[in-house]
Protein backbone atom coordinates (compact mmCIF):
# COMPACT_ATOMS: atom_id res chain seq x y z
CA MET A 1 -22.20 27.61 89.80
CA ALA A 2 -23.79 31.02 90.28
CA ARG A 3 -22.54 33.37 92.99
CA TYR A 4 -25.19 34.91 95.19
CA ASP A 5 -26.12 38.45 94.13
CA GLY A 6 -29.32 39.08 96.10
CA PRO A 7 -30.12 41.15 99.19
CA ILE A 8 -28.00 40.50 102.27
CA VAL A 9 -28.74 40.51 105.98
CA ASP A 10 -25.62 41.14 108.04
CA ALA A 11 -26.13 39.17 111.26
CA HIS A 12 -23.18 40.68 113.15
CA GLN A 13 -21.96 44.28 113.00
CA HIS A 14 -21.32 47.29 115.24
CA PHE A 15 -21.85 51.05 115.29
CA TRP A 16 -20.15 53.40 117.72
CA GLU A 17 -19.09 56.94 118.54
CA PRO A 18 -16.18 56.60 120.97
CA GLU A 19 -15.78 60.35 121.34
CA ARG A 20 -19.25 60.68 122.92
CA ASN A 21 -20.10 57.23 124.33
CA PRO A 22 -18.44 55.12 127.05
CA HIS A 23 -16.40 52.38 125.35
CA PRO A 24 -13.43 51.77 127.68
CA TRP A 25 -11.53 49.66 125.11
CA LEU A 26 -11.85 52.30 122.37
CA GLN A 27 -10.37 55.18 124.35
CA PRO A 28 -7.09 56.79 123.22
CA GLY A 29 -4.04 55.03 124.59
CA VAL A 30 -5.94 51.87 125.57
CA GLN A 31 -4.94 48.51 124.07
CA ILE A 32 -6.59 45.31 125.24
CA PRO A 33 -5.33 41.85 124.15
CA PHE A 34 -6.90 41.37 120.73
CA ARG A 35 -6.67 38.62 118.14
CA TYR A 36 -6.03 41.11 115.33
CA GLY A 37 -3.28 42.98 117.19
CA ASN A 38 -3.25 46.78 117.28
CA TYR A 39 -6.75 48.14 116.64
CA ASP A 40 -6.20 51.90 116.78
CA ALA A 41 -7.60 52.20 113.25
CA ILE A 42 -11.14 51.44 114.44
CA LYS A 43 -11.12 53.90 117.33
CA ARG A 44 -13.27 56.29 115.34
CA ARG A 45 -16.91 57.07 114.79
CA TYR A 46 -18.61 54.36 112.74
CA LEU A 47 -22.25 54.90 111.77
CA PRO A 48 -24.64 53.42 109.19
CA ASP A 49 -23.58 55.87 106.48
CA ASP A 50 -19.97 54.71 106.94
CA TYR A 51 -21.11 51.10 106.80
CA ARG A 52 -23.09 51.60 103.59
CA TRP A 53 -20.05 53.22 102.01
CA ASP A 54 -17.93 50.26 103.07
CA ALA A 55 -20.47 47.81 101.59
CA GLY A 56 -19.88 49.21 98.11
CA ARG A 57 -21.86 47.39 95.42
CA TYR A 58 -23.36 44.85 97.81
CA ARG A 59 -27.01 45.30 98.81
CA ILE A 60 -27.10 44.90 102.59
CA VAL A 61 -30.72 45.57 103.49
CA GLN A 62 -30.84 44.66 107.19
CA THR A 63 -28.31 44.34 110.01
CA VAL A 64 -28.07 43.01 113.54
CA TYR A 65 -26.19 45.34 115.89
CA VAL A 66 -24.17 43.44 118.48
CA GLU A 67 -23.17 45.00 121.79
CA THR A 68 -19.84 46.80 121.69
CA GLU A 69 -18.39 46.38 125.21
CA TRP A 70 -19.94 49.65 126.28
CA ASP A 71 -19.35 50.55 129.93
CA PRO A 72 -20.85 47.55 131.80
CA ALA A 73 -22.20 49.89 134.47
CA ASP A 74 -24.77 51.11 131.93
CA PRO A 75 -25.94 48.28 129.65
CA ILE A 76 -29.32 49.93 129.08
CA GLY A 77 -27.58 53.10 127.92
CA GLU A 78 -26.06 51.29 124.95
CA THR A 79 -29.41 49.85 123.93
CA ARG A 80 -31.01 53.27 124.17
CA TYR A 81 -28.27 54.64 121.92
CA ALA A 82 -28.51 51.81 119.36
CA SER A 83 -32.30 52.10 119.31
CA SER A 84 -32.01 55.75 118.35
CA LEU A 85 -30.05 55.05 115.16
CA PRO A 86 -32.75 53.58 112.87
CA GLU A 87 -34.85 56.76 112.95
CA ARG A 88 -31.89 58.70 111.55
CA TYR A 89 -30.21 56.08 109.39
CA GLY A 90 -32.56 53.14 108.78
CA LEU A 91 -30.18 50.69 110.52
CA PRO A 92 -29.77 48.55 112.55
CA THR A 93 -32.79 46.28 112.21
CA ALA A 94 -32.28 44.36 115.46
CA ILE A 95 -30.05 44.53 118.53
CA VAL A 96 -28.04 42.03 120.55
CA ALA A 97 -27.81 43.80 123.89
CA GLN A 98 -25.35 43.61 126.75
CA ALA A 99 -26.33 41.66 129.89
CA TRP A 100 -24.09 40.27 132.63
CA LEU A 101 -25.84 37.05 133.52
CA ASN A 102 -24.07 36.50 136.85
CA ARG A 103 -24.82 39.94 138.28
CA ASP A 104 -27.36 40.47 141.04
CA ASP A 105 -29.35 42.82 138.82
CA VAL A 106 -29.64 40.41 135.90
CA ALA A 107 -33.44 40.09 136.08
CA GLU A 108 -33.85 43.86 136.09
CA VAL A 109 -31.41 44.29 133.20
CA LEU A 110 -33.02 41.57 131.09
CA ALA A 111 -36.47 43.05 131.67
CA GLY A 112 -35.15 46.46 130.67
CA GLN A 113 -33.43 45.15 127.55
CA ALA A 114 -36.45 43.12 126.45
CA ALA A 115 -38.62 46.23 126.65
CA PHE A 116 -36.82 47.74 123.65
CA PRO A 117 -38.63 46.72 120.44
CA LEU A 118 -35.41 45.98 118.53
CA VAL A 119 -33.76 43.74 121.14
CA ARG A 120 -33.74 40.08 120.15
CA SER A 121 -30.77 38.62 122.03
CA VAL A 122 -28.11 39.35 124.64
CA ARG A 123 -24.41 38.64 124.85
CA HIS A 124 -22.10 38.03 127.80
CA LYS A 125 -18.72 36.57 126.88
CA PRO A 126 -18.18 33.72 129.37
CA GLY A 127 -14.37 33.67 129.43
CA GLY A 128 -12.81 30.40 130.50
CA PRO A 129 -9.82 28.40 129.22
CA THR A 130 -7.74 30.45 126.80
CA SER A 131 -6.17 27.48 124.99
CA PRO A 132 -7.11 23.86 124.31
CA GLY A 133 -4.49 22.73 126.82
CA GLU A 134 -6.31 24.47 129.68
CA VAL A 135 -9.57 22.60 129.11
CA GLY A 136 -10.23 20.35 132.09
CA ARG A 137 -8.21 22.51 134.48
CA SER A 138 -10.74 25.35 134.48
CA ARG A 139 -14.19 26.07 133.09
CA SER A 140 -16.01 29.09 131.74
CA LEU A 141 -18.98 30.94 133.19
CA MET A 142 -21.20 28.60 131.16
CA SER A 143 -20.67 26.12 134.01
CA ASP A 144 -21.10 28.63 136.84
CA PRO A 145 -24.39 28.12 138.78
CA ALA A 146 -25.07 31.86 139.21
CA TRP A 147 -24.45 32.54 135.50
CA ARG A 148 -26.70 29.65 134.52
CA ARG A 149 -29.48 31.00 136.75
CA GLY A 150 -29.24 34.23 134.80
CA PHE A 151 -29.24 32.29 131.54
CA ALA A 152 -32.42 30.50 132.62
CA LEU A 153 -34.21 33.86 132.69
CA LEU A 154 -33.72 34.41 128.95
CA ALA A 155 -36.69 32.21 128.10
CA THR A 156 -38.91 34.35 130.34
CA TYR A 157 -38.20 37.33 128.13
CA ARG A 158 -38.12 35.36 124.85
CA LEU A 159 -34.51 36.35 124.33
CA ARG A 160 -31.88 34.45 122.39
CA PHE A 161 -28.24 34.23 123.50
CA ASP A 162 -25.23 35.24 121.41
CA LEU A 163 -22.25 33.17 122.51
CA GLN A 164 -18.68 34.27 121.86
CA THR A 165 -16.20 31.64 122.98
CA PRO A 166 -13.31 29.79 121.30
CA TRP A 167 -14.05 26.35 119.92
CA TRP A 168 -12.33 24.43 122.70
CA ASN A 169 -15.01 25.61 125.15
CA LEU A 170 -17.90 24.38 123.03
CA ASP A 171 -18.45 21.20 125.01
CA GLU A 172 -19.67 23.46 127.81
CA ALA A 173 -21.96 25.12 125.25
CA VAL A 174 -23.32 21.67 124.37
CA GLU A 175 -24.27 21.17 128.02
CA LEU A 176 -25.88 24.61 128.06
CA ALA A 177 -27.86 23.96 124.88
CA ARG A 178 -29.10 20.59 126.16
CA ASP A 179 -30.09 22.00 129.56
CA PHE A 180 -31.94 24.97 128.03
CA PRO A 181 -33.44 23.58 124.81
CA ASP A 182 -35.95 26.42 124.42
CA THR A 183 -33.27 29.12 124.16
CA ALA A 184 -31.51 29.65 120.84
CA ILE A 185 -27.71 29.87 121.23
CA ILE A 186 -26.04 31.71 118.36
CA LEU A 187 -22.30 31.09 118.16
CA ASN A 188 -20.37 34.18 117.12
CA HIS A 189 -17.40 34.20 114.75
CA THR A 190 -17.52 30.54 113.75
CA GLY A 191 -16.04 29.45 117.07
CA LEU A 192 -12.89 31.57 116.57
CA PRO A 193 -10.70 29.12 114.61
CA SER A 194 -7.65 31.40 114.69
CA GLU A 195 -5.05 28.64 114.36
CA ARG A 196 -5.24 26.86 111.00
CA ASP A 197 -2.78 24.00 111.51
CA PRO A 198 -4.23 20.49 110.90
CA ALA A 199 -4.50 19.58 114.60
CA SER A 200 -6.30 22.81 115.50
CA LEU A 201 -8.70 22.51 112.57
CA ALA A 202 -9.47 18.91 113.51
CA GLY A 203 -10.22 19.95 117.09
CA TRP A 204 -12.36 22.85 115.87
CA ARG A 205 -14.37 20.62 113.55
CA ALA A 206 -14.97 17.97 116.22
CA THR A 207 -16.30 20.40 118.84
CA MET A 208 -18.31 22.32 116.25
CA ALA A 209 -19.94 19.04 115.19
CA ARG A 210 -20.96 18.25 118.76
CA PHE A 211 -22.43 21.74 119.19
CA ALA A 212 -24.18 21.61 115.81
CA ALA A 213 -25.94 18.40 116.91
CA CYS A 214 -28.00 20.53 119.31
CA PRO A 215 -31.14 21.72 117.47
CA ASN A 216 -31.11 25.10 119.27
CA ALA A 217 -27.53 25.86 118.13
CA PHE A 218 -26.80 28.32 115.33
CA VAL A 219 -23.60 29.79 113.91
CA LYS A 220 -22.55 33.13 112.50
CA VAL A 221 -19.88 32.64 109.86
CA SER A 222 -17.93 35.77 110.69
CA GLY A 223 -14.74 37.03 112.28
CA LEU A 224 -12.42 34.97 110.07
CA GLY A 225 -9.73 37.59 109.48
CA GLN A 226 -6.08 36.73 110.06
CA PRO A 227 -3.49 39.41 110.86
CA GLY A 228 -1.15 40.07 107.96
CA ARG A 229 -3.02 37.83 105.53
CA PRO A 230 -5.58 38.82 102.88
CA TRP A 231 -9.15 37.56 103.25
CA THR A 232 -9.52 35.10 100.37
CA ALA A 233 -11.74 32.21 99.40
CA ASP A 234 -8.70 29.94 99.48
CA SER A 235 -7.64 30.92 103.01
CA ASN A 236 -11.12 30.68 104.56
CA GLY A 237 -12.97 28.28 102.30
CA THR A 238 -12.50 25.23 104.51
CA ILE A 239 -13.86 27.04 107.56
CA VAL A 240 -16.91 28.42 105.77
CA ARG A 241 -17.77 25.18 103.98
CA THR A 242 -17.36 23.08 107.12
CA ALA A 243 -19.53 25.39 109.23
CA ILE A 244 -22.34 25.28 106.67
CA GLU A 245 -21.96 21.52 106.27
CA LEU A 246 -22.25 20.94 110.02
CA PHE A 247 -25.11 23.35 110.78
CA GLY A 248 -26.85 23.45 107.43
CA ALA A 249 -27.76 26.67 105.66
CA GLY A 250 -30.88 26.86 107.82
CA ARG A 251 -28.78 27.39 110.96
CA SER A 252 -25.84 29.31 109.45
CA MET A 253 -25.72 33.02 108.71
CA PHE A 254 -23.33 35.59 107.30
CA GLY A 255 -21.85 38.27 109.56
CA SER A 256 -19.35 40.97 108.65
CA ASN A 257 -18.11 41.92 112.12
CA PHE A 258 -17.58 45.41 110.74
CA PRO A 259 -15.90 47.70 111.51
CA VAL A 260 -13.71 45.31 113.53
CA ASP A 261 -12.84 43.11 110.56
CA SER A 262 -11.89 46.18 108.54
CA LEU A 263 -8.56 45.60 110.29
CA CYS A 264 -8.14 42.57 108.02
CA ALA A 265 -10.13 43.22 104.84
CA THR A 266 -12.61 45.44 103.08
CA LEU A 267 -16.25 44.44 103.27
CA PRO A 268 -16.41 43.74 99.50
CA ASP A 269 -13.31 41.54 99.87
CA ILE A 270 -15.07 39.51 102.55
CA LEU A 271 -18.28 39.27 100.55
CA ASP A 272 -16.40 38.43 97.36
CA GLY A 273 -14.82 35.56 99.27
CA MET A 274 -18.05 34.41 100.90
CA THR A 275 -20.02 34.43 97.65
CA THR A 276 -17.24 32.56 95.88
CA ILE A 277 -17.03 29.89 98.58
CA THR A 278 -20.80 29.37 98.68
CA ALA A 279 -21.36 29.45 94.90
CA PRO A 280 -21.60 25.61 94.66
CA LEU A 281 -24.58 25.61 97.06
CA PRO A 282 -28.14 25.51 95.70
CA ALA A 283 -29.66 28.98 95.27
CA ALA A 284 -32.09 28.44 98.16
CA GLU A 285 -29.24 27.60 100.53
CA GLN A 286 -27.28 30.65 99.45
CA ALA A 287 -30.35 32.82 100.07
CA ALA A 288 -30.72 31.26 103.52
CA PHE A 289 -27.09 31.83 104.43
CA PHE A 290 -27.03 35.43 103.24
CA GLY A 291 -30.36 36.47 104.72
CA GLU A 292 -33.28 34.18 105.39
CA THR A 293 -31.73 32.34 108.33
CA ALA A 294 -30.88 35.58 110.12
CA ARG A 295 -34.37 36.91 109.43
CA ARG A 296 -35.94 33.84 110.97
CA VAL A 297 -33.61 33.44 113.93
CA TYR A 298 -33.70 37.11 114.91
CA ASP A 299 -37.36 37.58 113.93
CA LEU A 300 -36.60 40.45 111.57
CA PRO A 301 -39.40 42.27 109.76
CA PRO A 302 -39.85 41.89 106.02
CA THR A 303 -37.84 44.43 104.06
CA PRO A 304 -39.91 47.15 102.35
CA LEU A 305 -40.87 46.44 98.75
CA GLY A 306 -38.15 47.67 96.44
CA GLU A 307 -35.27 47.34 98.92
CA GLU A 308 -34.59 43.81 97.76
């Protein structure tokens, strides 16, 4: 078993400058409900040079910037900001932009976002039931007719959709994937399996399997930190192995969720764990998981000769 040591594409990360840009949740004194608890430590400027320092010995050659809950009144402003970074820093390589699919201006916003050369996808967290016990009593925006009309426009602009929702809402995502088979749906953070008791893991696996059965469904294996616990291969191995088993390496991709997951681990700790967990996989599957799948799904350019 050889651990992967090649170039890496990070399919899910963030850059920000809260002191100059409008991130309501990153302002001093603000605390929103958050799965990692207090997040004051990340309320600071985080740019590609900081990220490269955090990566340490690992060769991360391309990244996908994911929207950062910038002021929703100005979604294009965030994309303009993110698009300005590569000229100065060489990253990010692609952008997942903000778009509120149930707003009256959704067509205008999607057209504006798609006009940026780096934009490949959009994200709008659909909310919905906040625990498995609430499923059936309420539904998320994935079932809302206005939101779905906005979602239908993604194909017009050849945009993918990044979905962040907990696993118990994935049956709605199955309906969405089946109704819009030409739009890739990329599940963020492995379906958020925060609870690791046997019943919760069984429920997570079952809904992930139903979602994975949709050919236009993909998964980012990311966001697996647990408050107060180290990020280890033992603690997260079952999640990572199951996700890759269900989706295959051709529809699974690594994401760091940095700097958010710096609240739980260093980036080398996460990558040490990921490369250990995936070491039993064939070399081609490891290469897919750590880069080629993200390149294909997000239509990333080849890396310059020598960077790999």
